[in-house]
Amino acid sequence: MKTLKIITSIFVLGSISGCTQLSALNQKVEDWAGEINKMINVDNQKFEDTVTSKRDIDTLYVRIKRNVGFETMEEMLKCDPTLDKNCAWKKGALASGYVHEKTPGVYYRMADSFGKDGQYYVDVTIEKEGKNSVIYWKVKGSQAFANQIKSDILKAIK
């Protein structure tokens, strides 16, 4: 009888220490999952900003288009699939989120995907407002990418 109590006590103590180890292991797995989730969702953040400029709207369009890396439909369709590995992707982009609208002197809107596999998305609208031009932009991606786009736009305004 005494032996049974000792064996039961050892089993209970072993189970309790095993639970502690399982709890520690569970916490590690939870931490790793949290880190992986952060890495996966880092490119899915959304950022928006607006700035007003005294520059001419048509000049702003040309500068922002160049600095950010937007292409007109004509420029995009000129690619050669044998020379440009991204040609098929560019043509596919026309169906998925690509926008290039122009009303010279009044309104411009450019939107496209960027980055490897198009994981980033930028949408820029330029509107004439009195003597000024207002630039609105939305970015879907990482904080670093959003900061780069903002820098490119502000550089175009100078």
N, C-alpha and C. Protein backbone atom coordinates (compact mmCIF):
# COMPACT_ATOMS: atom_id res chain seq x y z
N MET A 1 0.82 -1.19 0.00
CA MET A 1 0.00 0.00 0.00
C MET A 1 0.87 1.25 0.00
N LYS A 2 1.91 1.21 0.87
CA LYS A 2 2.81 2.35 0.94
C LYS A 2 3.53 2.54 -0.39
N THR A 3 3.87 1.46 -1.05
CA THR A 3 4.55 1.52 -2.35
C THR A 3 3.63 2.16 -3.39
N LEU A 4 2.36 1.84 -3.35
CA LEU A 4 1.39 2.42 -4.28
C LEU A 4 1.28 3.92 -4.10
N LYS A 5 1.31 4.40 -2.85
CA LYS A 5 1.26 5.84 -2.58
C LYS A 5 2.52 6.53 -3.10
N ILE A 6 3.66 5.88 -2.91
CA ILE A 6 4.93 6.47 -3.39
C ILE A 6 4.93 6.54 -4.92
N ILE A 7 4.50 5.48 -5.56
CA ILE A 7 4.47 5.45 -7.04
C ILE A 7 3.47 6.48 -7.55
N THR A 8 2.32 6.58 -6.91
CA THR A 8 1.31 7.58 -7.30
C THR A 8 1.85 8.99 -7.11
N SER A 9 2.53 9.23 -6.00
CA SER A 9 3.12 10.56 -5.75
C SER A 9 4.16 10.91 -6.81
N ILE A 10 5.02 9.95 -7.15
CA ILE A 10 6.04 10.19 -8.18
C ILE A 10 5.37 10.48 -9.52
N PHE A 11 4.33 9.71 -9.84
CA PHE A 11 3.61 9.93 -11.10
C PHE A 11 2.97 11.32 -11.15
N VAL A 12 2.33 11.74 -10.06
CA VAL A 12 1.69 13.06 -9.99
C VAL A 12 2.73 14.16 -10.12
N LEU A 13 3.85 14.05 -9.40
CA LEU A 13 4.92 15.06 -9.49
C LEU A 13 5.51 15.11 -10.90
N GLY A 14 5.69 13.94 -11.51
CA GLY A 14 6.19 13.90 -12.88
C GLY A 14 5.22 14.55 -13.86
N SER A 15 3.94 14.32 -13.64
CA SER A 15 2.91 14.92 -14.51
C SER A 15 2.90 16.44 -14.37
N ILE A 16 3.04 16.92 -13.13
CA ILE A 16 3.05 18.37 -12.90
C ILE A 16 4.26 19.02 -13.57
N SER A 17 5.44 18.41 -13.43
CA SER A 17 6.62 18.99 -14.07
C SER A 17 6.50 18.88 -15.58
N GLY A 18 5.86 17.82 -16.08
CA GLY A 18 5.61 17.68 -17.52
C GLY A 18 4.69 18.77 -18.03
N CYS A 19 3.70 19.15 -17.23
CA CYS A 19 2.78 20.23 -17.60
C CYS A 19 3.54 21.55 -17.70
N THR A 20 4.47 21.76 -16.78
CA THR A 20 5.27 22.98 -16.81
C THR A 20 6.09 23.04 -18.09
N GLN A 21 6.68 21.89 -18.46
CA GLN A 21 7.47 21.83 -19.69
C GLN A 21 6.57 22.04 -20.90
N LEU A 22 5.39 21.44 -20.89
CA LEU A 22 4.45 21.63 -22.00
C LEU A 22 4.01 23.08 -22.10
N SER A 23 3.80 23.71 -20.96
CA SER A 23 3.40 25.11 -20.95
C SER A 23 4.50 25.99 -21.55
N ALA A 24 5.76 25.71 -21.19
CA ALA A 24 6.88 26.47 -21.73
C ALA A 24 7.00 26.24 -23.24
N LEU A 25 6.83 24.99 -23.67
CA LEU A 25 6.88 24.67 -25.10
C LEU A 25 5.75 25.37 -25.84
N ASN A 26 4.56 25.34 -25.26
CA ASN A 26 3.40 26.00 -25.85
C ASN A 26 3.65 27.51 -26.01
N GLN A 27 4.27 28.12 -25.01
CA GLN A 27 4.58 29.56 -25.07
C GLN A 27 5.56 29.85 -26.20
N LYS A 28 6.58 28.98 -26.36
CA LYS A 28 7.56 29.16 -27.44
C LYS A 28 6.87 29.09 -28.80
N VAL A 29 6.02 28.08 -28.98
CA VAL A 29 5.30 27.92 -30.25
C VAL A 29 4.42 29.14 -30.50
N GLU A 30 3.77 29.64 -29.48
CA GLU A 30 2.93 30.83 -29.60
C GLU A 30 3.77 32.05 -30.01
N ASP A 31 4.95 32.20 -29.42
CA ASP A 31 5.85 33.31 -29.78
C ASP A 31 6.29 33.21 -31.23
N TRP A 32 6.67 31.99 -31.65
CA TRP A 32 7.09 31.80 -33.04
C TRP A 32 5.95 32.11 -34.00
N ALA A 33 4.75 31.64 -33.69
CA ALA A 33 3.59 31.90 -34.54
C ALA A 33 3.32 33.40 -34.64
N GLY A 34 3.47 34.10 -33.52
CA GLY A 34 3.28 35.55 -33.54
C GLY A 34 4.28 36.25 -34.44
N GLU A 35 5.55 35.82 -34.39
CA GLU A 35 6.59 36.41 -35.24
C GLU A 35 6.31 36.14 -36.71
N ILE A 36 5.92 34.90 -37.02
CA ILE A 36 5.61 34.55 -38.41
C ILE A 36 4.43 35.37 -38.90
N ASN A 37 3.41 35.52 -38.08
CA ASN A 37 2.23 36.31 -38.45
C ASN A 37 2.61 37.76 -38.72
N LYS A 38 3.50 38.32 -37.91
CA LYS A 38 3.95 39.70 -38.14
C LYS A 38 4.67 39.81 -39.48
N MET A 39 5.52 38.82 -39.79
CA MET A 39 6.27 38.85 -41.04
C MET A 39 5.34 38.72 -42.23
N ILE A 40 4.34 37.87 -42.12
CA ILE A 40 3.40 37.67 -43.23
C ILE A 40 2.57 38.92 -43.46
N ASN A 41 2.10 39.57 -42.41
CA ASN A 41 1.21 40.71 -42.54
C ASN A 41 1.93 42.05 -42.68
N VAL A 42 3.25 42.05 -42.66
CA VAL A 42 3.98 43.32 -42.72
C VAL A 42 3.71 44.06 -44.03
N ASP A 43 3.46 43.33 -45.11
CA ASP A 43 3.23 43.96 -46.40
C ASP A 43 1.76 44.26 -46.66
N ASN A 44 0.90 44.04 -45.69
CA ASN A 44 -0.54 44.27 -45.87
C ASN A 44 -1.04 45.49 -45.14
N GLN A 45 -0.15 46.34 -44.68
CA GLN A 45 -0.56 47.55 -43.99
C GLN A 45 -1.03 48.58 -45.03
N LYS A 46 -1.93 49.46 -44.61
CA LYS A 46 -2.44 50.49 -45.52
C LYS A 46 -2.09 51.87 -44.98
N PHE A 47 -1.62 52.73 -45.87
CA PHE A 47 -1.22 54.08 -45.51
C PHE A 47 -1.86 55.06 -46.49
N GLU A 48 -2.24 56.22 -45.99
CA GLU A 48 -2.81 57.28 -46.84
C GLU A 48 -2.19 58.60 -46.43
N ASP A 49 -2.06 59.50 -47.41
CA ASP A 49 -1.54 60.83 -47.10
C ASP A 49 -1.99 61.80 -48.19
N THR A 50 -1.89 63.08 -47.89
CA THR A 50 -2.29 64.14 -48.80
C THR A 50 -1.32 65.29 -48.65
N VAL A 51 -1.05 65.96 -49.76
CA VAL A 51 -0.21 67.16 -49.71
C VAL A 51 -0.70 68.12 -50.80
N THR A 52 -0.57 69.40 -50.53
CA THR A 52 -0.95 70.44 -51.49
C THR A 52 0.31 71.09 -52.01
N SER A 53 0.31 71.38 -53.32
CA SER A 53 1.48 71.99 -53.95
C SER A 53 1.05 73.17 -54.81
N LYS A 54 1.94 74.14 -54.94
CA LYS A 54 1.68 75.28 -55.83
C LYS A 54 2.15 74.99 -57.25
N ARG A 55 2.79 73.85 -57.45
CA ARG A 55 3.28 73.48 -58.78
C ARG A 55 2.12 73.19 -59.74
N ASP A 56 2.41 73.35 -61.00
CA ASP A 56 1.48 73.05 -62.07
C ASP A 56 1.12 71.55 -62.05
N ILE A 57 -0.15 71.22 -62.22
CA ILE A 57 -0.61 69.84 -62.13
C ILE A 57 0.04 68.94 -63.18
N ASP A 58 0.25 69.45 -64.39
CA ASP A 58 0.84 68.64 -65.45
C ASP A 58 2.31 68.32 -65.15
N THR A 59 3.02 69.28 -64.58
CA THR A 59 4.42 69.05 -64.18
C THR A 59 4.47 68.02 -63.06
N LEU A 60 3.56 68.14 -62.10
CA LEU A 60 3.51 67.17 -61.01
C LEU A 60 3.24 65.76 -61.53
N TYR A 61 2.33 65.65 -62.48
CA TYR A 61 2.02 64.34 -63.06
C TYR A 61 3.27 63.68 -63.63
N VAL A 62 4.00 64.42 -64.45
CA VAL A 62 5.20 63.87 -65.08
C VAL A 62 6.24 63.47 -64.04
N ARG A 63 6.44 64.33 -63.05
CA ARG A 63 7.46 64.05 -62.03
C ARG A 63 7.07 62.87 -61.14
N ILE A 64 5.82 62.83 -60.69
CA ILE A 64 5.38 61.72 -59.83
C ILE A 64 5.40 60.41 -60.61
N LYS A 65 4.95 60.45 -61.85
CA LYS A 65 4.96 59.26 -62.70
C LYS A 65 6.38 58.70 -62.79
N ARG A 66 7.34 59.56 -63.04
CA ARG A 66 8.74 59.15 -63.17
C ARG A 66 9.31 58.67 -61.83
N ASN A 67 9.12 59.46 -60.76
CA ASN A 67 9.73 59.13 -59.47
C ASN A 67 9.19 57.85 -58.85
N VAL A 68 7.88 57.64 -58.95
CA VAL A 68 7.28 56.45 -58.35
C VAL A 68 7.49 55.23 -59.25
N GLY A 69 7.49 55.44 -60.56
CA GLY A 69 7.71 54.33 -61.49
C GLY A 69 6.46 53.86 -62.20
N PHE A 70 5.46 54.73 -62.31
CA PHE A 70 4.25 54.38 -63.04
C PHE A 70 4.54 54.36 -64.53
N GLU A 71 3.79 53.55 -65.26
CA GLU A 71 3.88 53.51 -66.72
C GLU A 71 2.50 53.74 -67.31
N THR A 72 2.47 54.38 -68.48
CA THR A 72 1.21 54.49 -69.21
C THR A 72 0.91 53.12 -69.81
N MET A 73 -0.30 52.93 -70.29
CA MET A 73 -0.65 51.66 -70.92
C MET A 73 0.23 51.41 -72.14
N GLU A 74 0.49 52.46 -72.90
CA GLU A 74 1.32 52.32 -74.10
C GLU A 74 2.73 51.85 -73.72
N GLU A 75 3.30 52.44 -72.68
CA GLU A 75 4.64 52.04 -72.23
C GLU A 75 4.64 50.60 -71.73
N MET A 76 3.59 50.22 -71.04
CA MET A 76 3.52 48.88 -70.48
C MET A 76 3.39 47.83 -71.57
N LEU A 77 2.64 48.12 -72.62
CA LEU A 77 2.40 47.14 -73.67
C LEU A 77 3.55 47.02 -74.66
N LYS A 78 4.54 47.90 -74.59
CA LYS A 78 5.69 47.84 -75.50
C LYS A 78 6.71 46.77 -75.12
N CYS A 79 6.54 46.12 -73.99
CA CYS A 79 7.55 45.16 -73.53
C CYS A 79 7.60 43.93 -74.43
N ASP A 80 8.78 43.32 -74.49
CA ASP A 80 9.02 42.13 -75.29
C ASP A 80 9.21 40.93 -74.36
N PRO A 81 8.33 39.93 -74.43
CA PRO A 81 8.41 38.79 -73.51
C PRO A 81 9.74 38.03 -73.59
N THR A 82 10.41 38.07 -74.73
CA THR A 82 11.69 37.36 -74.85
C THR A 82 12.82 38.10 -74.16
N LEU A 83 12.69 39.42 -74.02
CA LEU A 83 13.74 40.21 -73.38
C LEU A 83 13.40 40.59 -71.95
N ASP A 84 12.13 40.75 -71.67
CA ASP A 84 11.69 41.23 -70.36
C ASP A 84 10.93 40.12 -69.63
N LYS A 85 11.52 39.60 -68.56
CA LYS A 85 10.88 38.51 -67.81
C LYS A 85 9.57 38.95 -67.16
N ASN A 86 9.42 40.24 -66.92
CA ASN A 86 8.22 40.76 -66.27
C ASN A 86 7.11 41.13 -67.26
N CYS A 87 7.33 40.88 -68.53
CA CYS A 87 6.36 41.30 -69.56
C CYS A 87 4.98 40.68 -69.33
N ALA A 88 4.94 39.39 -69.12
CA ALA A 88 3.65 38.73 -68.91
C ALA A 88 2.98 39.27 -67.66
N TRP A 89 3.78 39.51 -66.62
CA TRP A 89 3.24 40.06 -65.38
C TRP A 89 2.67 41.45 -65.63
N LYS A 90 3.39 42.27 -66.40
CA LYS A 90 2.93 43.63 -66.68
C LYS A 90 1.60 43.60 -67.42
N LYS A 91 1.50 42.73 -68.40
CA LYS A 91 0.25 42.65 -69.16
C LYS A 91 -0.88 42.11 -68.28
N GLY A 92 -0.56 41.23 -67.36
CA GLY A 92 -1.55 40.72 -66.41
C GLY A 92 -2.01 41.80 -65.45
N ALA A 93 -1.12 42.75 -65.17
CA ALA A 93 -1.45 43.84 -64.24
C ALA A 93 -2.55 44.73 -64.78
N LEU A 94 -2.70 44.78 -66.09
CA LEU A 94 -3.75 45.61 -66.68
C LEU A 94 -5.13 45.15 -66.21
N ALA A 95 -5.23 43.88 -65.90
CA ALA A 95 -6.51 43.35 -65.45
C ALA A 95 -6.67 43.40 -63.93
N SER A 96 -5.58 43.66 -63.20
CA SER A 96 -5.68 43.59 -61.74
C SER A 96 -5.15 44.85 -61.06
N GLY A 97 -5.96 45.87 -61.04
CA GLY A 97 -5.62 47.05 -60.25
C GLY A 97 -4.87 48.15 -60.96
N TYR A 98 -4.50 47.96 -62.22
CA TYR A 98 -3.79 48.99 -62.95
C TYR A 98 -4.76 50.11 -63.33
N VAL A 99 -4.37 51.35 -63.05
CA VAL A 99 -5.18 52.52 -63.41
C VAL A 99 -4.24 53.59 -63.94
N HIS A 100 -4.61 54.20 -65.04
CA HIS A 100 -3.88 55.37 -65.54
C HIS A 100 -4.89 56.27 -66.26
N GLU A 101 -5.44 57.22 -65.50
CA GLU A 101 -6.46 58.13 -66.03
C GLU A 101 -5.86 59.52 -66.15
N LYS A 102 -6.15 60.19 -67.28
CA LYS A 102 -5.59 61.52 -67.51
C LYS A 102 -6.66 62.47 -68.05
N THR A 103 -6.75 63.62 -67.41
CA THR A 103 -7.48 64.76 -67.95
C THR A 103 -6.52 65.94 -67.77
N PRO A 104 -5.65 66.17 -68.76
CA PRO A 104 -4.59 67.18 -68.61
C PRO A 104 -5.11 68.52 -68.10
N GLY A 105 -4.35 69.07 -67.16
CA GLY A 105 -4.69 70.35 -66.58
C GLY A 105 -5.71 70.29 -65.46
N VAL A 106 -6.34 69.11 -65.24
CA VAL A 106 -7.42 69.02 -64.26
C VAL A 106 -7.24 67.85 -63.29
N TYR A 107 -6.95 66.66 -63.81
CA TYR A 107 -7.02 65.45 -62.98
C TYR A 107 -6.12 64.35 -63.55
N TYR A 108 -5.42 63.67 -62.65
CA TYR A 108 -4.63 62.49 -63.02
C TYR A 108 -4.80 61.45 -61.92
N ARG A 109 -4.86 60.18 -62.32
CA ARG A 109 -4.86 59.10 -61.33
C ARG A 109 -4.02 57.96 -61.88
N MET A 110 -3.10 57.49 -61.05
CA MET A 110 -2.23 56.37 -61.42
C MET A 110 -2.24 55.37 -60.28
N ALA A 111 -2.41 54.09 -60.61
CA ALA A 111 -2.37 53.05 -59.59
C ALA A 111 -1.78 51.80 -60.22
N ASP A 112 -0.95 51.11 -59.45
CA ASP A 112 -0.33 49.89 -59.96
C ASP A 112 0.30 49.11 -58.82
N SER A 113 0.63 47.86 -59.12
CA SER A 113 1.33 47.00 -58.17
C SER A 113 2.83 47.11 -58.38
N PHE A 114 3.58 46.98 -57.31
CA PHE A 114 5.03 47.06 -57.36
C PHE A 114 5.63 45.94 -56.53
N GLY A 115 6.94 45.75 -56.64
CA GLY A 115 7.64 44.76 -55.83
C GLY A 115 7.57 43.39 -56.44
N LYS A 116 8.31 42.47 -55.83
CA LYS A 116 8.33 41.09 -56.29
C LYS A 116 6.92 40.52 -56.18
N ASP A 117 6.42 39.98 -57.25
CA ASP A 117 5.08 39.39 -57.30
C ASP A 117 3.97 40.40 -57.03
N GLY A 118 4.26 41.70 -57.15
CA GLY A 118 3.24 42.73 -56.98
C GLY A 118 2.66 42.82 -55.59
N GLN A 119 3.46 42.59 -54.55
CA GLN A 119 2.92 42.60 -53.19
C GLN A 119 2.63 44.00 -52.67
N TYR A 120 3.11 45.03 -53.34
CA TYR A 120 2.84 46.41 -52.91
C TYR A 120 1.89 47.05 -53.92
N TYR A 121 1.06 47.98 -53.44
CA TYR A 121 0.12 48.67 -54.33
C TYR A 121 0.13 50.15 -54.00
N VAL A 122 0.20 50.97 -55.05
CA VAL A 122 0.22 52.43 -54.88
C VAL A 122 -0.87 53.03 -55.75
N ASP A 123 -1.62 53.97 -55.18
CA ASP A 123 -2.69 54.68 -55.89
C ASP A 123 -2.51 56.17 -55.62
N VAL A 124 -2.21 56.93 -56.68
CA VAL A 124 -1.96 58.37 -56.54
C VAL A 124 -2.98 59.13 -57.38
N THR A 125 -3.60 60.14 -56.78
CA THR A 125 -4.54 61.02 -57.48
C THR A 125 -4.04 62.45 -57.35
N ILE A 126 -4.02 63.16 -58.49
CA ILE A 126 -3.61 64.57 -58.50
C ILE A 126 -4.80 65.36 -59.05
N GLU A 127 -5.24 66.36 -58.29
CA GLU A 127 -6.39 67.17 -58.71
C GLU A 127 -6.03 68.65 -58.65
N LYS A 128 -6.58 69.39 -59.59
CA LYS A 128 -6.42 70.84 -59.60
C LYS A 128 -7.43 71.42 -58.62
N GLU A 129 -6.95 72.29 -57.73
CA GLU A 129 -7.82 72.94 -56.76
C GLU A 129 -7.45 74.43 -56.72
N GLY A 130 -8.18 75.22 -57.50
CA GLY A 130 -7.84 76.65 -57.61
C GLY A 130 -6.49 76.80 -58.30
N LYS A 131 -5.58 77.55 -57.67
CA LYS A 131 -4.24 77.71 -58.23
C LYS A 131 -3.30 76.60 -57.77
N ASN A 132 -3.74 75.78 -56.86
CA ASN A 132 -2.91 74.71 -56.31
C ASN A 132 -3.27 73.35 -56.91
N SER A 133 -2.43 72.38 -56.61
CA SER A 133 -2.68 70.99 -56.96
C SER A 133 -2.65 70.18 -55.67
N VAL A 134 -3.61 69.27 -55.53
CA VAL A 134 -3.67 68.42 -54.34
C VAL A 134 -3.31 67.00 -54.77
N ILE A 135 -2.38 66.40 -54.03
CA ILE A 135 -1.93 65.04 -54.31
C ILE A 135 -2.39 64.15 -53.16
N TYR A 136 -3.18 63.12 -53.49
CA TYR A 136 -3.63 62.12 -52.52
C TYR A 136 -2.94 60.81 -52.90
N TRP A 137 -2.50 60.06 -51.92
CA TRP A 137 -1.97 58.74 -52.24
C TRP A 137 -2.31 57.73 -51.17
N LYS A 138 -2.46 56.49 -51.65
CA LYS A 138 -2.73 55.34 -50.78
C LYS A 138 -1.68 54.28 -51.11
N VAL A 139 -1.15 53.67 -50.08
CA VAL A 139 -0.14 52.63 -50.27
C VAL A 139 -0.56 51.40 -49.47
N LYS A 140 -0.48 50.25 -50.10
CA LYS A 140 -0.67 48.99 -49.39
C LYS A 140 0.68 48.28 -49.43
N GLY A 141 1.25 48.07 -48.25
CA GLY A 141 2.57 47.44 -48.19
C GLY A 141 3.20 47.67 -46.84
N SER A 142 4.50 47.60 -46.81
CA SER A 142 5.23 47.78 -45.56
C SER A 142 5.41 49.26 -45.25
N GLN A 143 5.75 49.56 -44.01
CA GLN A 143 6.02 50.94 -43.59
C GLN A 143 7.19 51.52 -44.39
N ALA A 144 8.22 50.71 -44.62
CA ALA A 144 9.39 51.18 -45.37
C ALA A 144 8.99 51.54 -46.80
N PHE A 145 8.15 50.71 -47.43
CA PHE A 145 7.71 51.00 -48.79
C PHE A 145 6.87 52.27 -48.83
N ALA A 146 5.97 52.43 -47.87
CA ALA A 146 5.13 53.63 -47.80
C ALA A 146 5.99 54.88 -47.61
N ASN A 147 7.03 54.78 -46.79
CA ASN A 147 7.94 55.91 -46.59
C ASN A 147 8.68 56.26 -47.88
N GLN A 148 9.08 55.23 -48.65
CA GLN A 148 9.78 55.47 -49.91
C GLN A 148 8.86 56.17 -50.91
N ILE A 149 7.61 55.74 -50.99
CA ILE A 149 6.65 56.37 -51.90
C ILE A 149 6.43 57.83 -51.49
N LYS A 150 6.27 58.08 -50.21
CA LYS A 150 6.09 59.45 -49.73
C LYS A 150 7.30 60.30 -50.10
N SER A 151 8.49 59.76 -49.92
CA SER A 151 9.72 60.47 -50.28
C SER A 151 9.76 60.77 -51.78
N ASP A 152 9.38 59.79 -52.60
CA ASP A 152 9.36 60.00 -54.06
C ASP A 152 8.38 61.10 -54.45
N ILE A 153 7.22 61.12 -53.82
CA ILE A 153 6.21 62.13 -54.13
C ILE A 153 6.67 63.51 -53.67
N LEU A 154 7.20 63.59 -52.46
CA LEU A 154 7.67 64.89 -51.96
C LEU A 154 8.84 65.42 -52.79
N LYS A 155 9.68 64.52 -53.27
CA LYS A 155 10.79 64.92 -54.14
C LYS A 155 10.25 65.49 -55.46
N ALA A 156 9.18 64.91 -55.97
CA ALA A 156 8.57 65.39 -57.21
C ALA A 156 7.95 66.76 -57.04
N ILE A 157 7.50 67.08 -55.84
CA ILE A 157 6.84 68.36 -55.58
C ILE A 157 7.84 69.50 -55.49
N LYS A 158 9.06 69.22 -55.05
CA LYS A 158 10.08 70.27 -54.86
C LYS A 158 10.40 71.00 -56.14
